[in-house]
PDB file of all heavy atoms in Angstrom:
ATOM      1  N   ARG A   1      -2.788   9.330   3.639  1.00  0.00           N
ATOM      2  CA  ARG A   1      -3.249   8.820   2.361  1.00  0.00           C
ATOM      3  C   ARG A   1      -2.312   9.226   1.223  1.00  0.00           C
ATOM      4  O   ARG A   1      -1.963   8.499   0.316  1.00  0.00           O
ATOM      5  CB  ARG A   1      -4.670   9.292   2.071  1.00  0.00           C
ATOM      6  CG  ARG A   1      -5.677   8.536   2.917  1.00  0.00           C
ATOM      7  CD  ARG A   1      -7.129   8.849   2.521  1.00  0.00           C
ATOM      8  NE  ARG A   1      -7.562  10.163   3.008  1.00  0.00           N
ATOM      9  CZ  ARG A   1      -7.953  10.434   4.259  1.00  0.00           C
ATOM     10  NH1 ARG A   1      -7.967   9.505   5.170  1.00  0.00           N
ATOM     11  NH2 ARG A   1      -8.306  11.654   4.571  1.00  0.00           N
ATOM     12  N   GLN A   2      -1.786  10.472   1.339  1.00  0.00           N
ATOM     13  CA  GLN A   2      -0.828  10.959   0.369  1.00  0.00           C
ATOM     14  C   GLN A   2       0.492  10.180   0.477  1.00  0.00           C
ATOM     15  O   GLN A   2       1.128   9.850  -0.556  1.00  0.00           O
ATOM     16  CB  GLN A   2      -0.553  12.494   0.573  1.00  0.00           C
ATOM     17  CG  GLN A   2       0.435  13.088  -0.454  1.00  0.00           C
ATOM     18  CD  GLN A   2      -0.023  12.948  -1.864  1.00  0.00           C
ATOM     19  OE1 GLN A   2      -1.234  12.909  -2.169  1.00  0.00           O
ATOM     20  NE2 GLN A   2       0.870  12.995  -2.809  1.00  0.00           N
ATOM     21  N   GLN A   3       0.912   9.854   1.712  1.00  0.00           N
ATOM     22  CA  GLN A   3       2.161   9.069   1.857  1.00  0.00           C
ATOM     23  C   GLN A   3       2.018   7.712   1.186  1.00  0.00           C
ATOM     24  O   GLN A   3       2.939   7.214   0.522  1.00  0.00           O
ATOM     25  CB  GLN A   3       2.433   8.860   3.374  1.00  0.00           C
ATOM     26  CG  GLN A   3       2.879  10.092   4.111  1.00  0.00           C
ATOM     27  CD  GLN A   3       2.941   9.908   5.597  1.00  0.00           C
ATOM     28  OE1 GLN A   3       2.214   9.043   6.186  1.00  0.00           O
ATOM     29  NE2 GLN A   3       3.772  10.648   6.300  1.00  0.00           N
ATOM     30  N   ALA A   4       0.785   7.078   1.313  1.00  0.00           N
ATOM     31  CA  ALA A   4       0.575   5.759   0.689  1.00  0.00           C
ATOM     32  C   ALA A   4       0.659   5.917  -0.832  1.00  0.00           C
ATOM     33  O   ALA A   4       1.277   5.028  -1.507  1.00  0.00           O
ATOM     34  CB  ALA A   4      -0.789   5.216   1.080  1.00  0.00           C
ATOM     35  N   LYS A   5       0.142   6.947  -1.394  1.00  0.00           N
ATOM     36  CA  LYS A   5       0.214   7.160  -2.873  1.00  0.00           C
ATOM     37  C   LYS A   5       1.669   7.380  -3.316  1.00  0.00           C
ATOM     38  O   LYS A   5       2.073   6.794  -4.293  1.00  0.00           O
ATOM     39  CB  LYS A   5      -0.662   8.363  -3.286  1.00  0.00           C
ATOM     40  CG  LYS A   5      -2.106   8.079  -3.263  1.00  0.00           C
ATOM     41  CD  LYS A   5      -2.945   9.297  -3.702  1.00  0.00           C
ATOM     42  CE  LYS A   5      -4.376   8.971  -3.563  1.00  0.00           C
ATOM     43  NZ  LYS A   5      -5.202  10.082  -4.012  1.00  0.00           N
ATOM     44  N   LEU A   6       2.409   8.161  -2.511  1.00  0.00           N
ATOM     45  CA  LEU A   6       3.795   8.399  -2.883  1.00  0.00           C
ATOM     46  C   LEU A   6       4.616   7.087  -2.743  1.00  0.00           C
ATOM     47  O   LEU A   6       5.543   6.854  -3.589  1.00  0.00           O
ATOM     48  CB  LEU A   6       4.421   9.475  -1.955  1.00  0.00           C
ATOM     49  CG  LEU A   6       3.893  10.899  -2.215  1.00  0.00           C
ATOM     50  CD1 LEU A   6       4.371  11.838  -1.135  1.00  0.00           C
ATOM     51  CD2 LEU A   6       4.274  11.402  -3.596  1.00  0.00           C
ATOM     52  N   LEU A   7       4.392   6.306  -1.802  1.00  0.00           N
ATOM     53  CA  LEU A   7       5.057   5.016  -1.638  1.00  0.00           C
ATOM     54  C   LEU A   7       4.742   4.147  -2.809  1.00  0.00           C
ATOM     55  O   LEU A   7       5.607   3.449  -3.353  1.00  0.00           O
ATOM     56  CB  LEU A   7       4.716   4.341  -0.328  1.00  0.00           C
ATOM     57  CG  LEU A   7       5.408   3.008  -0.075  1.00  0.00           C
ATOM     58  CD1 LEU A   7       6.927   3.136  -0.124  1.00  0.00           C
ATOM     59  CD2 LEU A   7       4.986   2.403   1.241  1.00  0.00           C
ATOM     60  N   ALA A   8       3.522   4.101  -3.233  1.00  0.00           N
ATOM     61  CA  ALA A   8       3.131   3.285  -4.383  1.00  0.00           C
ATOM     62  C   ALA A   8       3.898   3.662  -5.619  1.00  0.00           C
ATOM     63  O   ALA A   8       4.352   2.791  -6.388  1.00  0.00           O
ATOM     64  CB  ALA A   8       1.625   3.399  -4.634  1.00  0.00           C
ATOM     65  N   GLU A   9       4.152   4.962  -5.773  1.00  0.00           N
ATOM     66  CA  GLU A   9       4.993   5.399  -6.883  1.00  0.00           C
ATOM     67  C   GLU A   9       6.375   4.806  -6.824  1.00  0.00           C
ATOM     68  O   GLU A   9       6.949   4.388  -7.826  1.00  0.00           O
ATOM     69  CB  GLU A   9       5.085   6.897  -6.926  1.00  0.00           C
ATOM     70  CG  GLU A   9       3.785   7.564  -7.396  1.00  0.00           C
ATOM     71  CD  GLU A   9       3.875   9.130  -7.371  1.00  0.00           C
ATOM     72  OE1 GLU A   9       5.018   9.665  -7.440  1.00  0.00           O
ATOM     73  OE2 GLU A   9       2.875   9.747  -7.222  1.00  0.00           O
ATOM     74  N   ARG A  10       6.947   4.730  -5.615  1.00  0.00           N
ATOM     75  CA  ARG A  10       8.299   4.145  -5.447  1.00  0.00           C
ATOM     76  C   ARG A  10       8.326   2.699  -5.635  1.00  0.00           C
ATOM     77  O   ARG A  10       9.332   2.153  -6.017  1.00  0.00           O
ATOM     78  CB  ARG A  10       8.830   4.501  -4.040  1.00  0.00           C
ATOM     79  CG  ARG A  10       9.120   5.976  -3.859  1.00  0.00           C
ATOM     80  CD  ARG A  10       9.718   6.310  -2.520  1.00  0.00           C
ATOM     81  NE  ARG A  10      11.070   5.671  -2.485  1.00  0.00           N
ATOM     82  CZ  ARG A  10      11.797   5.604  -1.389  1.00  0.00           C
ATOM     83  NH1 ARG A  10      11.356   6.036  -0.233  1.00  0.00           N
ATOM     84  NH2 ARG A  10      12.996   5.062  -1.412  1.00  0.00           N
ATOM     85  N   LEU A  11       7.212   2.026  -5.421  1.00  0.00           N
ATOM     86  CA  LEU A  11       7.116   0.569  -5.564  1.00  0.00           C
ATOM     87  C   LEU A  11       6.707   0.134  -6.946  1.00  0.00           C
ATOM     88  O   LEU A  11       6.578  -1.066  -7.220  1.00  0.00           O
ATOM     89  CB  LEU A  11       6.114   0.019  -4.508  1.00  0.00           C
ATOM     90  CG  LEU A  11       6.474   0.239  -3.019  1.00  0.00           C
ATOM     91  CD1 LEU A  11       5.352  -0.250  -2.130  1.00  0.00           C
ATOM     92  CD2 LEU A  11       7.817  -0.497  -2.707  1.00  0.00           C
ATOM     93  N   ARG A  12       6.366   1.056  -7.789  1.00  0.00           N
ATOM     94  CA  ARG A  12       5.776   0.798  -9.084  1.00  0.00           C
ATOM     95  C   ARG A  12       6.482  -0.257  -9.929  1.00  0.00           C
ATOM     96  O   ARG A  12       5.885  -1.060 -10.591  1.00  0.00           O
ATOM     97  CB  ARG A  12       5.622   2.061  -9.889  1.00  0.00           C
ATOM     98  CG  ARG A  12       4.728   1.849 -11.083  1.00  0.00           C
ATOM     99  CD  ARG A  12       4.119   3.087 -11.673  1.00  0.00           C
ATOM    100  NE  ARG A  12       3.415   3.953 -10.723  1.00  0.00           N
ATOM    101  CZ  ARG A  12       2.194   3.770 -10.296  1.00  0.00           C
ATOM    102  NH1 ARG A  12       1.469   2.733 -10.598  1.00  0.00           N
ATOM    103  NH2 ARG A  12       1.609   4.658  -9.473  1.00  0.00           N
ATOM    104  N   ASN A  13       7.809  -0.340  -9.845  1.00  0.00           N
ATOM    105  CA  ASN A  13       8.548  -1.313 -10.658  1.00  0.00           C
ATOM    106  C   ASN A  13       8.692  -2.686 -10.064  1.00  0.00           C
ATOM    107  O   ASN A  13       9.357  -3.539 -10.634  1.00  0.00           O
ATOM    108  CB  ASN A  13       9.914  -0.687 -11.045  1.00  0.00           C
ATOM    109  CG  ASN A  13       9.786   0.529 -11.923  1.00  0.00           C
ATOM    110  OD1 ASN A  13       8.886   0.537 -12.729  1.00  0.00           O
ATOM    111  ND2 ASN A  13      10.627   1.498 -11.677  1.00  0.00           N
ATOM    112  N   GLY A  14       8.146  -2.879  -8.865  1.00  0.00           N
ATOM    113  CA  GLY A  14       8.294  -4.171  -8.210  1.00  0.00           C
ATOM    114  C   GLY A  14       7.392  -5.219  -8.813  1.00  0.00           C
ATOM    115  O   GLY A  14       6.363  -4.960  -9.433  1.00  0.00           O
ATOM    116  N   PRO A  15       7.705  -6.489  -8.518  1.00  0.00           N
ATOM    117  CA  PRO A  15       6.854  -7.614  -9.016  1.00  0.00           C
ATOM    118  C   PRO A  15       5.816  -7.946  -7.966  1.00  0.00           C
ATOM    119  O   PRO A  15       5.775  -9.059  -7.462  1.00  0.00           O
ATOM    120  CB  PRO A  15       7.894  -8.742  -9.139  1.00  0.00           C
ATOM    121  CG  PRO A  15       8.879  -8.470  -8.022  1.00  0.00           C
ATOM    122  CD  PRO A  15       8.960  -6.942  -7.947  1.00  0.00           C
ATOM    123  N   TRP A  16       4.928  -7.008  -7.624  1.00  0.00           N
ATOM    124  CA  TRP A  16       3.985  -7.250  -6.512  1.00  0.00           C
ATOM    125  C   TRP A  16       2.770  -8.009  -7.027  1.00  0.00           C
ATOM    126  O   TRP A  16       2.102  -7.651  -8.009  1.00  0.00           O
ATOM    127  CB  TRP A  16       3.570  -5.893  -5.931  1.00  0.00           C
ATOM    128  CG  TRP A  16       4.698  -5.044  -5.605  1.00  0.00           C
ATOM    129  CD1 TRP A  16       5.099  -3.893  -6.228  1.00  0.00           C
ATOM    130  CD2 TRP A  16       5.747  -5.290  -4.649  1.00  0.00           C
ATOM    131  NE1 TRP A  16       6.235  -3.405  -5.693  1.00  0.00           N
ATOM    132  CE2 TRP A  16       6.634  -4.260  -4.739  1.00  0.00           C
ATOM    133  CE3 TRP A  16       5.990  -6.328  -3.755  1.00  0.00           C
ATOM    134  CZ2 TRP A  16       7.791  -4.155  -3.924  1.00  0.00           C
ATOM    135  CZ3 TRP A  16       7.088  -6.259  -2.962  1.00  0.00           C
ATOM    136  CH2 TRP A  16       8.016  -5.169  -3.018  1.00  0.00           C
ATOM    137  N   GLU A  17       2.474  -9.112  -6.325  1.00  0.00           N
ATOM    138  CA  GLU A  17       1.318  -9.971  -6.705  1.00  0.00           C
ATOM    139  C   GLU A  17       0.194  -9.837  -5.739  1.00  0.00           C
ATOM    140  O   GLU A  17      -0.945 -10.023  -6.034  1.00  0.00           O
ATOM    141  CB  GLU A  17       1.787 -11.417  -6.809  1.00  0.00           C
ATOM    142  CG  GLU A  17       2.783 -11.693  -7.895  1.00  0.00           C
ATOM    143  CD  GLU A  17       3.272 -13.116  -7.944  1.00  0.00           C
ATOM    144  OE1 GLU A  17       2.657 -13.984  -7.306  1.00  0.00           O
ATOM    145  OE2 GLU A  17       4.305 -13.361  -8.584  1.00  0.00           O
ATOM    146  N   SER A  18       0.564  -9.636  -4.437  1.00  0.00           N
ATOM    147  CA  SER A  18      -0.469  -9.462  -3.384  1.00  0.00           C
ATOM    148  C   SER A  18       0.071  -8.666  -2.234  1.00  0.00           C
ATOM    149  O   SER A  18       1.282  -8.402  -2.159  1.00  0.00           O
ATOM    150  CB  SER A  18      -0.903 -10.891  -2.917  1.00  0.00           C
ATOM    151  OG  SER A  18       0.179 -11.573  -2.285  1.00  0.00           O
ATOM    152  N   ILE A  19      -0.863  -8.234  -1.457  1.00  0.00           N
ATOM    153  CA  ILE A  19      -0.569  -7.404  -0.305  1.00  0.00           C
ATOM    154  C   ILE A  19      -1.269  -7.998   0.911  1.00  0.00           C
ATOM    155  O   ILE A  19      -2.413  -8.326   0.802  1.00  0.00           O
ATOM    156  CB  ILE A  19      -0.992  -5.954  -0.498  1.00  0.00           C
ATOM    157  CG1 ILE A  19      -0.209  -5.296  -1.650  1.00  0.00           C
ATOM    158  CG2 ILE A  19      -0.800  -5.128   0.813  1.00  0.00           C
ATOM    159  CD1 ILE A  19      -0.642  -3.894  -1.954  1.00  0.00           C
ATOM    160  N   VAL A  20      -0.506  -8.206   1.972  1.00  0.00           N
ATOM    161  CA  VAL A  20      -1.082  -8.694   3.224  1.00  0.00           C
ATOM    162  C   VAL A  20      -1.137  -7.510   4.191  1.00  0.00           C
ATOM    163  O   VAL A  20      -0.118  -6.828   4.333  1.00  0.00           O
ATOM    164  CB  VAL A  20      -0.272  -9.882   3.794  1.00  0.00           C
ATOM    165  CG1 VAL A  20      -0.889 -10.338   5.124  1.00  0.00           C
ATOM    166  CG2 VAL A  20      -0.182 -11.006   2.799  1.00  0.00           C
ATOM    167  N   THR A  21      -2.243  -7.321   4.830  1.00  0.00           N
ATOM    168  CA  THR A  21      -2.381  -6.156   5.757  1.00  0.00           C
ATOM    169  C   THR A  21      -3.079  -6.581   7.019  1.00  0.00           C
ATOM    170  O   THR A  21      -3.886  -7.517   7.042  1.00  0.00           O
ATOM    171  CB  THR A  21      -3.206  -5.022   5.007  1.00  0.00           C
ATOM    172  OG1 THR A  21      -3.317  -3.925   5.938  1.00  0.00           O
ATOM    173  CG2 THR A  21      -4.590  -5.482   4.588  1.00  0.00           C
ATOM    174  N   SER A  22      -2.824  -5.778   8.022  1.00  0.00           N
ATOM    175  CA  SER A  22      -3.593  -5.890   9.266  1.00  0.00           C
ATOM    176  C   SER A  22      -5.030  -5.557   9.019  1.00  0.00           C
ATOM    177  O   SER A  22      -5.387  -4.925   8.025  1.00  0.00           O
ATOM    178  CB  SER A  22      -3.028  -4.854  10.234  1.00  0.00           C
ATOM    179  OG  SER A  22      -3.855  -4.559  11.306  1.00  0.00           O
ATOM    180  N   THR A  23      -5.886  -5.911   9.925  1.00  0.00           N
ATOM    181  CA  THR A  23      -7.293  -5.618   9.866  1.00  0.00           C
ATOM    182  C   THR A  23      -7.589  -4.159  10.328  1.00  0.00           C
ATOM    183  O   THR A  23      -8.748  -3.711  10.148  1.00  0.00           O
ATOM    184  CB  THR A  23      -8.133  -6.606  10.623  1.00  0.00           C
ATOM    185  OG1 THR A  23      -7.706  -6.573  11.990  1.00  0.00           O
ATOM    186  CG2 THR A  23      -8.022  -7.973  10.014  1.00  0.00           C
ATOM    187  N   LEU A  24      -6.604  -3.518  10.979  1.00  0.00           N
ATOM    188  CA  LEU A  24      -6.875  -2.128  11.473  1.00  0.00           C
ATOM    189  C   LEU A  24      -6.977  -1.163  10.292  1.00  0.00           C
ATOM    190  O   LEU A  24      -6.299  -1.289   9.320  1.00  0.00           O
ATOM    191  CB  LEU A  24      -5.731  -1.758  12.391  1.00  0.00           C
ATOM    192  CG  LEU A  24      -5.662  -2.497  13.724  1.00  0.00           C
ATOM    193  CD1 LEU A  24      -4.369  -2.111  14.470  1.00  0.00           C
ATOM    194  CD2 LEU A  24      -6.901  -2.250  14.536  1.00  0.00           C
ATOM    195  N   THR A  25      -7.905  -0.240  10.421  1.00  0.00           N
ATOM    196  CA  THR A  25      -8.238   0.691   9.384  1.00  0.00           C
ATOM    197  C   THR A  25      -7.003   1.386   8.757  1.00  0.00           C
ATOM    198  O   THR A  25      -6.907   1.465   7.550  1.00  0.00           O
ATOM    199  CB  THR A  25      -9.293   1.718   9.847  1.00  0.00           C
ATOM    200  OG1 THR A  25     -10.461   1.013  10.257  1.00  0.00           O
ATOM    201  CG2 THR A  25      -9.657   2.694   8.724  1.00  0.00           C
ATOM    202  N   ARG A  26      -6.162   1.895   9.602  1.00  0.00           N
ATOM    203  CA  ARG A  26      -4.978   2.650   9.103  1.00  0.00           C
ATOM    204  C   ARG A  26      -4.116   1.753   8.209  1.00  0.00           C
ATOM    205  O   ARG A  26      -3.568   2.214   7.154  1.00  0.00           O
ATOM    206  CB  ARG A  26      -4.166   3.296  10.236  1.00  0.00           C
ATOM    207  CG  ARG A  26      -3.611   2.272  11.259  1.00  0.00           C
ATOM    208  CD  ARG A  26      -3.050   3.047  12.483  1.00  0.00           C
ATOM    209  NE  ARG A  26      -2.621   2.083  13.534  1.00  0.00           N
ATOM    210  CZ  ARG A  26      -3.406   1.719  14.556  1.00  0.00           C
ATOM    211  NH1 ARG A  26      -4.681   2.112  14.631  1.00  0.00           N
ATOM    212  NH2 ARG A  26      -2.901   0.938  15.482  1.00  0.00           N
ATOM    213  N   ALA A  27      -3.880   0.530   8.619  1.00  0.00           N
ATOM    214  CA  ALA A  27      -3.075  -0.370   7.783  1.00  0.00           C
ATOM    215  C   ALA A  27      -3.822  -0.825   6.482  1.00  0.00           C
ATOM    216  O   ALA A  27      -3.257  -0.822   5.383  1.00  0.00           O
ATOM    217  CB  ALA A  27      -2.704  -1.600   8.604  1.00  0.00           C
ATOM    218  N   ARG A  28      -5.100  -1.113   6.707  1.00  0.00           N
ATOM    219  CA  ARG A  28      -5.907  -1.538   5.533  1.00  0.00           C
ATOM    220  C   ARG A  28      -6.031  -0.447   4.505  1.00  0.00           C
ATOM    221  O   ARG A  28      -5.902  -0.696   3.292  1.00  0.00           O
ATOM    222  CB  ARG A  28      -7.330  -1.986   6.040  1.00  0.00           C
ATOM    223  CG  ARG A  28      -8.129  -2.833   5.011  1.00  0.00           C
ATOM    224  CD  ARG A  28      -9.422  -3.253   5.579  1.00  0.00           C
ATOM    225  NE  ARG A  28     -10.321  -2.162   5.796  1.00  0.00           N
ATOM    226  CZ  ARG A  28     -10.681  -1.747   7.022  1.00  0.00           C
ATOM    227  NH1 ARG A  28     -10.309  -2.307   8.146  1.00  0.00           N
ATOM    228  NH2 ARG A  28     -11.517  -0.698   7.159  1.00  0.00           N
ATOM    229  N   GLU A  29      -6.249   0.811   4.935  1.00  0.00           N
ATOM    230  CA  GLU A  29      -6.336   1.932   4.019  1.00  0.00           C
ATOM    231  C   GLU A  29      -5.036   2.099   3.263  1.00  0.00           C
ATOM    232  O   GLU A  29      -5.022   2.317   2.015  1.00  0.00           O
ATOM    233  CB  GLU A  29      -6.627   3.252   4.816  1.00  0.00           C
ATOM    234  CG  GLU A  29      -8.027   3.517   5.075  1.00  0.00           C
ATOM    235  CD  GLU A  29      -8.172   4.917   5.694  1.00  0.00           C
ATOM    236  OE1 GLU A  29      -7.831   5.135   6.881  1.00  0.00           O
ATOM    237  OE2 GLU A  29      -8.593   5.836   4.941  1.00  0.00           O
ATOM    238  N   THR A  30      -3.923   2.036   3.942  1.00  0.00           N
ATOM    239  CA  THR A  30      -2.568   2.130   3.338  1.00  0.00           C
ATOM    240  C   THR A  30      -2.431   1.028   2.254  1.00  0.00           C
ATOM    241  O   THR A  30      -2.045   1.347   1.143  1.00  0.00           O
ATOM    242  CB  THR A  30      -1.457   2.008   4.359  1.00  0.00           C
ATOM    243  OG1 THR A  30      -1.641   3.041   5.349  1.00  0.00           O
ATOM    244  CG2 THR A  30      -0.120   2.143   3.735  1.00  0.00           C
ATOM    245  N   ALA A  31      -2.771  -0.198   2.611  1.00  0.00           N
ATOM    246  CA  ALA A  31      -2.655  -1.345   1.679  1.00  0.00           C
ATOM    247  C   ALA A  31      -3.574  -1.147   0.483  1.00  0.00           C
ATOM    248  O   ALA A  31      -3.135  -1.390  -0.637  1.00  0.00           O
ATOM    249  CB  ALA A  31      -2.956  -2.615   2.414  1.00  0.00           C
ATOM    250  N   GLU A  32      -4.790  -0.710   0.701  1.00  0.00           N
ATOM    251  CA  GLU A  32      -5.731  -0.542  -0.421  1.00  0.00           C
ATOM    252  C   GLU A  32      -5.297   0.571  -1.357  1.00  0.00           C
ATOM    253  O   GLU A  32      -5.497   0.439  -2.554  1.00  0.00           O
ATOM    254  CB  GLU A  32      -7.148  -0.270   0.140  1.00  0.00           C
ATOM    255  CG  GLU A  32      -7.719  -1.562   0.796  1.00  0.00           C
ATOM    256  CD  GLU A  32      -9.012  -1.290   1.562  1.00  0.00           C
ATOM    257  OE1 GLU A  32      -9.389  -0.103   1.771  1.00  0.00           O
ATOM    258  OE2 GLU A  32      -9.602  -2.346   1.997  1.00  0.00           O
ATOM    259  N   ILE A  33      -4.773   1.669  -0.854  1.00  0.00           N
ATOM    260  CA  ILE A  33      -4.288   2.682  -1.735  1.00  0.00           C
ATOM    261  C   ILE A  33      -3.125   2.230  -2.532  1.00  0.00           C
ATOM    262  O   ILE A  33      -3.108   2.409  -3.766  1.00  0.00           O
ATOM    263  CB  ILE A  33      -3.877   3.952  -0.867  1.00  0.00           C
ATOM    264  CG1 ILE A  33      -5.109   4.609  -0.237  1.00  0.00           C
ATOM    265  CG2 ILE A  33      -3.081   4.959  -1.732  1.00  0.00           C
ATOM    266  CD1 ILE A  33      -4.814   5.633   0.826  1.00  0.00           C
TER     267      ILE A  33
END
């Protein structure tokens, strides 16, 4: 969960409109964070 938060910080300047994720919990949690 901390890794996902840190990655979000690195992605902060991107033009992100949507996120596509697997239905598996580990991928979904990462995407939601």
